[in-house]
Every structure is written in C-alpha cells, then in structure tokens.
Amino acid sequence: MSQTAVLVWLSAASLLPTFRADLTSYAQSRLLRLEAPLENVPAFHAAAYAPDLVAQIEVLLEEARSATASLEQSRALSALEHVERLLRDHPELPQAAWLMAEELELMAEVESSAPDGSGAAMTLQRRAAVLEGPRVTPFSDHPASSELPAPVRHALTLEGTEPDDVVEWDGEHAGAELSIAAGEHHARVSRHGRLLWAGWVAVAESDVRVRLEVPATAPCSPDDIGAGRFENGRALPAPRVRCESYVLARQHAGGGIEAALCSKESCGNVVIYQYVPARAGVTVTSERTWPRWATYTIVAAAGARATGVVLWRAGVFDKPAPQTSTVWTYMGQEKPMGFRF
C-alpha cells in the first residue's frame, strides 16, 4: 500500500523535466503516493492596496477642511463620518492610523467651534495623539492653545503572532513588546510578504497583553517547510516546522537528485539518487532503506537562486510507472547524519 508523499523541490522550475524520471523512480521505489501540499493560510480578505480608496479619503478630508474653514459644520461632519466608515471597513491600508488621526483632529476642530465643545474636542485630540503621537505646533498669528499632555505609556505584550511575522503598529514596524498609551490603535501583520491580518485594537490602561487574531501557519504548507535548504552536505529544515514528515530534494551536480527525509525540525541523511534505464549487463543497486511509516508533503519552495514549484500540480508524477525494469543507483554521502525522531 502506497504512502502519501510531499516534496520540497529546491532547484529551478525549468529543471523539473530533466529530473522527471529521477523523481518518479524515487517515489516509486518507496511506494509513495504524491499529493498536493496544504494551501498557505489565505491572505487578508482585502490585502491589495487600493490607491483609489486612499484618493477618495484624501478628497473627503480636504472637503472637511474646506467646510470647517467656511463654518459649514454639518458638511464637514458628514465628510469626516464617511472617512471613518471607510477606514474601519479597510484596515488593510498601511497609512490607516495616520488618516484616522487626521480625521480625529479635524473632528476636534469642528467640535471646538461649538459653545460647549471644548471637552469633546480635547477627547478627540487625545485619541489622535494615541494613534500618531504629538504633532508639531503649526505657525500661527494667534496665541497657541494649551498643549495636550503627553499620553501615559505602559508596557504591552502582543500575542497571536509568529516569530517571523512582520508587525506594523500605528504605521510603524514593531516587535512583540511595545510601550504604548491606552486607546485605540491600528495594527497589520504580514507573513512572507502576505498580509494576514489587519484591524483596530482597543487597549485599556490595565491591559498588559493583547492577542491579535492572526491565523497560524498551516502544517506542511509552503510557509511551513518552504524555507528548507541544503548546506555543506546537510539538509537544514526551516525553523519551527510543524510538518511531521517531508522530503527536501534538489538537482545533484553530478547527475540525479539529492534528497533528505525530514521530520519537523530534524533532517536525516542526504542521499544521491539517479534513475538509470536498464540495459544488458547492468544489475539493480539499491540505496539504504527509508522508514516505511513516513508521510510526506509535497510543497513548492522558493529561494534566492531558484524558483520552486509544486511537483504534483506540475504533473511530474502523473505518468504511469514504466513497464521495463529500472536501475536505482546510490552514491554515498561523505558526512552521513543520523535521522533524528
């Protein structure tokens, strides 16, 4: 009975046709049934940057400024409320925190024009300061109003992210440990260049930890095992791999392929495997036996020097096994490494 198999191909996609026979025979020799990998966690539902949306927000903010200057408070408030709805519906915008702060400042200016609106205006300005920090006092012929005191900051630990995730907090790169003021903040989390989560986060003065609902990496997906590599004759898995069992493979300079069986963060010996068509006078030579319990996952891997592909989807193993006999050639490794469970 065939085992399920998954392979990380670490050479250029254009080389796959050349090593089709090697990979097919390698799989058949171990009674492996090859499958497509698990998909990566999908990107945030609105991950694409929308310049038209940003332009619309900028137009609405300019309309609010103009309406405020001409004392058309109702028109200004209508434009600003529209801006806030758009920003809450689209937290994927990297500049959302700054745009929201501008909206709050303009709203405070509108409120301050009311006879009893100074308190509401101060509250709005504090919310803006939490998002973007203190503003430079603009030049004016009028006396400066009393400045807001700097918001009180406290330590906060972000949870729910992974070590390789890129966190943007209020428009700036941040780590898991923050020093922030209580209030509403904006956050975005990316993984391997894909935006996975974005939203508005309310932080209370008593909060020391906040969990972001970032989806975890799917085991045996490209995000999980796609960063494996070969180095100095050894197969090195990606850090913090969740996949129970997978194979790293690439082109071997002397012909055939190099392959190594890995389990989570441990990889076994690197073997060199080459398919040789049977011919008269040639016998079959087998390499050392691999564990039969192994379940692999076939994924694509991308590196600086090669473009990875998903072998199963590329149809590498779609053809039936050749009916003629084959020869499997094994070439030893200078520095064998024992497989670790």
Protein backbone atom coordinates (compact mmCIF):
# COMPACT_ATOMS: atom_id res chain seq x y z
CA MET A 1 0.00 0.00 0.00
CA SER A 2 1.40 3.36 -1.03
CA GLN A 3 2.28 6.07 1.46
CA THR A 4 1.27 9.70 0.94
CA ALA A 5 4.21 11.86 -0.10
CA VAL A 6 5.20 15.55 -0.14
CA LEU A 7 8.38 17.01 -1.66
CA VAL A 8 10.12 20.39 -1.42
CA TRP A 9 11.95 20.93 -4.72
CA LEU A 10 14.81 23.38 -4.21
CA SER A 11 16.11 23.74 -7.77
CA ALA A 12 14.83 25.86 -10.63
CA ALA A 13 11.42 25.00 -12.03
CA SER A 14 12.89 24.74 -15.52
CA LEU A 15 14.96 21.74 -14.39
CA LEU A 16 11.94 19.63 -13.46
CA PRO A 17 11.50 17.94 -16.86
CA THR A 18 15.16 16.90 -16.74
CA PHE A 19 14.72 15.13 -13.40
CA ARG A 20 11.25 13.75 -14.00
CA ALA A 21 12.48 10.17 -14.19
CA ASP A 22 14.69 10.52 -11.10
CA LEU A 23 11.83 11.92 -9.03
CA THR A 24 9.29 9.42 -10.33
CA SER A 25 11.55 6.46 -9.64
CA TYR A 26 12.49 7.83 -6.24
CA ALA A 27 8.82 7.92 -5.31
CA GLN A 28 8.01 4.51 -6.81
CA SER A 29 10.95 2.86 -5.06
CA ARG A 30 9.39 3.84 -1.73
CA LEU A 31 5.78 3.10 -2.69
CA LEU A 32 4.86 6.73 -2.28
CA ARG A 33 1.63 8.34 -3.45
CA LEU A 34 2.30 12.01 -4.11
CA GLU A 35 -0.23 14.69 -3.20
CA ALA A 36 -0.55 18.43 -3.50
CA PRO A 37 0.52 20.37 -0.39
CA LEU A 38 -1.78 22.04 2.02
CA GLU A 39 -2.53 25.59 0.98
CA ASN A 40 -0.93 28.52 2.76
CA VAL A 41 -3.15 30.45 5.11
CA PRO A 42 -5.10 32.81 2.83
CA ALA A 43 -4.22 36.47 2.80
CA PHE A 44 -6.39 39.07 4.49
CA HIS A 45 -9.71 39.42 2.66
CA ALA A 46 -8.75 42.88 1.36
CA ALA A 47 -4.97 42.67 1.24
CA ALA A 48 -4.48 44.60 -2.01
CA TYR A 49 -3.54 48.24 -1.70
CA ALA A 50 -6.29 50.44 -3.14
CA PRO A 51 -4.96 53.80 -4.36
CA ASP A 52 -8.45 54.85 -5.48
CA LEU A 53 -9.73 54.35 -1.94
CA VAL A 54 -6.91 56.41 -0.48
CA ALA A 55 -7.58 59.14 -3.02
CA GLN A 56 -11.26 59.14 -2.04
CA ILE A 57 -10.36 59.52 1.63
CA GLU A 58 -7.97 62.37 0.87
CA VAL A 59 -10.69 64.18 -1.11
CA LEU A 60 -13.12 63.77 1.80
CA LEU A 61 -10.57 65.12 4.28
CA GLU A 62 -9.92 68.13 2.06
CA GLU A 63 -13.66 68.71 1.78
CA ALA A 64 -13.90 68.64 5.59
CA ARG A 65 -11.05 71.16 5.92
CA SER A 66 -12.73 73.49 3.45
CA ALA A 67 -16.13 73.13 5.11
CA THR A 68 -14.65 73.75 8.58
CA ALA A 69 -12.90 76.91 7.39
CA SER A 70 -16.18 78.23 5.97
CA LEU A 71 -18.07 77.27 9.14
CA GLU A 72 -20.15 74.61 7.36
CA GLN A 73 -20.02 72.20 10.29
CA SER A 74 -22.71 69.82 9.05
CA ARG A 75 -20.96 69.32 5.71
CA ALA A 76 -17.63 68.84 7.47
CA LEU A 77 -19.07 66.27 9.89
CA SER A 78 -20.71 64.35 7.04
CA ALA A 79 -17.39 64.08 5.18
CA LEU A 80 -15.50 63.06 8.31
CA GLU A 81 -18.03 60.39 9.25
CA HIS A 82 -17.66 58.98 5.74
CA VAL A 83 -13.88 58.89 6.20
CA GLU A 84 -14.17 56.97 9.47
CA ARG A 85 -16.52 54.39 7.94
CA LEU A 86 -14.09 53.78 5.08
CA LEU A 87 -11.11 53.40 7.41
CA ARG A 88 -12.92 50.94 9.65
CA ASP A 89 -14.01 48.93 6.61
CA HIS A 90 -10.47 48.93 5.20
CA PRO A 91 -7.90 48.41 7.97
CA GLU A 92 -5.53 46.90 5.40
CA LEU A 93 -4.37 50.40 4.40
CA PRO A 94 -0.84 50.87 5.79
CA GLN A 95 -1.49 54.57 6.47
CA ALA A 96 -4.87 53.97 8.14
CA ALA A 97 -3.63 55.14 11.56
CA TRP A 98 -2.42 58.48 10.22
CA LEU A 99 -5.56 59.05 8.16
CA MET A 100 -7.72 58.28 11.20
CA ALA A 101 -5.65 60.69 13.31
CA GLU A 102 -6.19 63.41 10.70
CA GLU A 103 -9.93 62.69 10.74
CA LEU A 104 -9.99 62.97 14.54
CA GLU A 105 -8.07 66.26 14.51
CA LEU A 106 -10.49 67.76 12.01
CA MET A 107 -13.43 66.45 14.01
CA ALA A 108 -11.93 68.12 17.12
CA GLU A 109 -11.69 71.39 15.21
CA VAL A 110 -15.36 71.16 14.28
CA GLU A 111 -16.33 70.35 17.88
CA SER A 112 -14.26 73.21 19.29
CA SER A 113 -16.37 75.70 17.33
CA ALA A 114 -19.43 74.73 19.37
CA PRO A 115 -20.11 76.76 22.55
CA ASP A 116 -19.62 73.78 24.85
CA GLY A 117 -17.49 71.59 22.60
CA SER A 118 -14.07 72.06 24.20
CA GLY A 119 -14.31 68.82 26.22
CA ALA A 120 -15.29 66.72 23.21
CA ALA A 121 -12.55 68.36 21.16
CA MET A 122 -9.95 67.52 23.80
CA THR A 123 -11.05 63.88 23.84
CA LEU A 124 -10.77 63.65 20.07
CA GLN A 125 -7.29 65.19 20.12
CA ARG A 126 -6.18 62.66 22.73
CA ARG A 127 -7.39 59.82 20.50
CA ALA A 128 -5.45 61.30 17.59
CA ALA A 129 -2.29 61.61 19.71
CA VAL A 130 -2.52 57.94 20.70
CA LEU A 131 -2.51 56.96 17.01
CA GLU A 132 0.24 59.24 15.73
CA GLY A 133 1.99 60.87 18.69
CA PRO A 134 2.21 64.63 19.36
CA ARG A 135 2.04 66.99 16.40
CA VAL A 136 4.36 69.90 15.75
CA THR A 137 2.70 73.17 16.72
CA PRO A 138 1.82 74.98 13.48
CA PHE A 139 2.90 78.57 12.86
CA SER A 140 0.05 81.00 13.58
CA ASP A 141 -0.52 84.67 14.35
CA HIS A 142 -2.96 83.59 17.04
CA PRO A 143 -1.86 82.59 20.55
CA ALA A 144 -1.26 78.87 20.86
CA SER A 145 -3.89 76.95 22.74
CA SER A 146 -2.88 74.86 25.72
CA GLU A 147 -0.97 71.78 24.58
CA LEU A 148 -2.18 68.29 25.42
CA PRO A 149 -0.09 66.45 27.98
CA ALA A 150 1.85 63.53 26.54
CA PRO A 151 -0.15 60.29 26.80
CA VAL A 152 0.94 57.98 29.62
CA ARG A 153 2.56 54.87 28.19
CA HIS A 154 2.76 51.38 29.59
CA ALA A 155 4.31 48.05 28.55
CA LEU A 156 2.21 45.76 26.38
CA THR A 157 2.93 42.29 25.01
CA LEU A 158 1.41 41.24 21.68
CA GLU A 159 0.25 37.63 21.42
CA GLY A 160 -1.06 35.63 18.50
CA THR A 161 1.80 36.41 16.10
CA GLU A 162 4.62 34.09 14.99
CA PRO A 163 8.37 34.88 15.30
CA ASP A 164 8.81 35.61 11.58
CA ASP A 165 5.70 37.77 11.27
CA VAL A 166 6.13 41.45 10.45
CA VAL A 167 4.01 43.63 12.72
CA GLU A 168 3.09 47.22 11.91
CA TRP A 169 1.65 49.12 14.87
CA ASP A 170 0.19 52.55 14.13
CA GLY A 171 2.07 52.63 10.84
CA GLU A 172 5.49 51.67 12.24
CA HIS A 173 7.31 48.34 12.48
CA ALA A 174 7.09 46.86 15.94
CA GLY A 175 8.09 43.81 17.92
CA ALA A 176 6.12 41.72 20.37
CA GLU A 177 6.96 44.08 23.26
CA LEU A 178 5.50 47.58 23.00
CA SER A 179 5.36 50.76 25.04
CA ILE A 180 2.05 52.40 24.20
CA ALA A 181 -0.70 54.63 25.51
CA ALA A 182 -4.19 53.35 26.28
CA GLY A 183 -6.69 53.93 23.50
CA GLU A 184 -7.47 52.67 20.02
CA HIS A 185 -4.58 51.57 17.80
CA HIS A 186 -4.14 50.21 14.31
CA ALA A 187 -2.21 47.02 13.51
CA ARG A 188 -1.22 44.95 10.46
CA VAL A 189 0.54 41.57 10.42
CA SER A 190 2.31 40.12 7.38
CA ARG A 191 3.93 36.74 6.85
CA HIS A 192 6.38 36.10 3.99
CA GLY A 193 5.17 39.22 2.26
CA ARG A 194 1.44 38.43 2.54
CA LEU A 195 -0.87 40.50 4.71
CA LEU A 196 -2.66 38.03 7.01
CA TRP A 197 -4.46 40.31 9.47
CA ALA A 198 -5.32 43.97 9.93
CA GLY A 199 -7.61 45.75 12.32
CA TRP A 200 -8.28 48.30 15.03
CA VAL A 201 -7.23 47.33 18.56
CA ALA A 202 -8.61 48.86 21.75
CA VAL A 203 -6.08 48.88 24.62
CA ALA A 204 -7.12 49.69 28.18
CA GLU A 205 -4.78 51.14 30.80
CA SER A 206 -4.89 47.84 32.69
CA ASP A 207 -4.03 45.69 29.67
CA VAL A 208 -0.57 44.12 29.73
CA ARG A 209 -1.28 41.60 26.95
CA VAL A 210 -3.32 41.84 23.77
CA ARG A 211 -3.95 38.93 21.40
CA LEU A 212 -4.20 39.58 17.67
CA GLU A 213 -6.32 37.03 15.80
CA VAL A 214 -3.62 36.16 13.27
CA PRO A 215 -4.11 32.73 11.61
CA ALA A 216 -1.39 30.18 12.40
CA THR A 217 0.82 28.70 9.70
CA ALA A 218 -0.71 25.57 8.17
CA PRO A 219 1.48 22.46 8.72
CA CYS A 220 3.13 21.13 5.56
CA SER A 221 2.34 24.31 3.61
CA PRO A 222 4.96 26.36 1.74
CA ASP A 223 5.01 28.81 4.65
CA ASP A 224 5.84 25.90 6.96
CA ILE A 225 8.55 23.98 5.12
CA GLY A 226 9.37 26.09 2.06
CA ALA A 227 12.49 27.63 3.65
CA GLY A 228 14.35 24.32 4.00
CA ARG A 229 17.75 24.16 2.30
CA PHE A 230 20.94 22.19 1.69
CA GLU A 231 24.20 23.46 3.15
CA ASN A 232 27.64 21.82 3.37
CA GLY A 233 26.27 18.41 2.53
CA ARG A 234 23.43 18.58 5.05
CA ALA A 235 19.71 19.17 4.75
CA LEU A 236 18.60 22.01 7.01
CA PRO A 237 14.89 22.38 7.78
CA ALA A 238 13.14 25.69 8.20
CA PRO A 239 12.86 26.82 11.84
CA ARG A 240 9.76 25.89 13.81
CA VAL A 241 8.45 23.44 11.19
CA ARG A 242 5.14 21.79 12.04
CA CYS A 243 5.11 19.18 9.28
CA GLU A 244 5.52 15.66 10.64
CA SER A 245 7.36 14.31 7.62
CA TYR A 246 8.58 15.73 4.31
CA VAL A 247 11.42 15.43 1.80
CA LEU A 248 13.88 18.09 0.68
CA ALA A 249 15.24 17.48 -2.82
CA ARG A 250 17.26 19.26 -5.47
CA GLN A 251 19.40 18.70 -8.54
CA HIS A 252 22.74 16.98 -7.90
CA ALA A 253 25.65 18.49 -9.79
CA GLY A 254 27.00 15.06 -10.75
CA GLY A 255 23.64 13.84 -12.03
CA GLY A 256 20.45 12.71 -10.38
CA ILE A 257 18.96 14.30 -7.30
CA GLU A 258 19.88 14.87 -3.67
CA ALA A 259 17.15 14.06 -1.17
CA ALA A 260 16.72 14.01 2.59
CA LEU A 261 13.88 12.86 4.80
CA CYS A 262 12.88 15.36 7.49
CA SER A 263 10.52 15.37 10.44
CA LYS A 264 9.61 18.77 11.85
CA GLU A 265 12.96 20.45 12.68
CA SER A 266 15.15 17.38 12.10
CA CYS A 267 16.51 16.03 8.81
CA GLY A 268 18.18 12.71 8.10
CA ASN A 269 20.99 11.71 5.77
CA VAL A 270 21.30 13.32 2.36
CA VAL A 271 21.29 10.64 -0.35
CA ILE A 272 22.08 10.97 -4.03
CA TYR A 273 19.61 9.14 -6.23
CA GLN A 274 19.69 8.65 -10.01
CA TYR A 275 17.43 6.74 -12.38
CA VAL A 276 19.34 4.71 -14.99
CA PRO A 277 17.44 2.90 -17.78
CA ALA A 278 18.02 -0.86 -17.66
CA ARG A 279 20.34 -2.30 -20.26
CA ALA A 280 22.11 -5.59 -20.86
CA GLY A 281 24.72 -6.50 -18.28
CA VAL A 282 23.58 -3.94 -15.71
CA THR A 283 22.23 -5.01 -12.35
CA VAL A 284 19.98 -3.17 -9.92
CA THR A 285 21.68 -1.43 -7.00
CA SER A 286 19.55 -0.08 -4.17
CA GLU A 287 20.34 2.62 -1.68
CA ARG A 288 19.68 2.25 2.03
CA THR A 289 16.11 1.67 3.11
CA TRP A 290 13.97 4.58 4.31
CA PRO A 291 11.39 4.26 7.11
CA ARG A 292 8.08 2.95 5.73
CA TRP A 293 5.96 4.89 8.24
CA ALA A 294 6.87 8.21 6.70
CA THR A 295 4.16 10.51 5.39
CA TYR A 296 5.42 13.30 3.20
CA THR A 297 4.00 16.54 1.96
CA ILE A 298 4.88 17.94 -1.49
CA VAL A 299 5.28 21.67 -1.50
CA ALA A 300 6.93 24.35 -3.51
CA ALA A 301 9.92 26.22 -2.16
CA ALA A 302 11.35 29.50 -3.39
CA GLY A 303 14.94 30.58 -2.77
CA ALA A 304 17.29 33.35 -3.85
CA ARG A 305 18.78 31.20 -6.59
CA ALA A 306 15.84 29.03 -7.69
CA THR A 307 12.12 29.18 -8.27
CA GLY A 308 10.25 26.36 -6.58
CA VAL A 309 7.21 24.56 -7.97
CA VAL A 310 4.58 22.19 -6.71
CA LEU A 311 5.53 18.92 -8.37
CA TRP A 312 2.14 17.28 -8.10
CA ARG A 313 0.41 20.22 -9.73
CA ALA A 314 3.04 20.38 -12.43
CA GLY A 315 2.18 16.81 -13.39
CA VAL A 316 5.66 15.44 -12.70
CA PHE A 317 4.28 12.21 -11.31
CA ASP A 318 1.18 11.85 -13.44
CA LYS A 319 2.59 9.33 -15.92
CA PRO A 320 2.26 5.63 -15.06
CA ALA A 321 5.31 3.71 -13.97
CA PRO A 322 7.45 2.37 -16.85
CA GLN A 323 6.89 -1.32 -17.52
CA THR A 324 10.54 -2.06 -18.18
CA SER A 325 12.99 -2.77 -15.37
CA THR A 326 14.98 0.10 -13.92
CA VAL A 327 18.27 0.62 -12.16
CA TRP A 328 18.49 2.72 -8.97
CA THR A 329 21.97 3.99 -8.27
CA TYR A 330 23.06 5.17 -4.82
CA MET A 331 26.16 7.30 -4.26
CA GLY A 332 27.28 7.62 -0.66
CA GLN A 333 27.47 10.79 1.41
CA GLU A 334 30.84 11.86 2.85
CA LYS A 335 29.34 13.03 6.15
CA PRO A 336 26.28 10.91 6.90
CA MET A 337 23.95 12.30 9.51
CA GLY A 338 21.72 10.03 11.54
CA PHE A 339 17.97 10.64 11.27
CA ARG A 340 16.54 12.13 14.43
CA PHE A 341 12.97 11.42 15.55
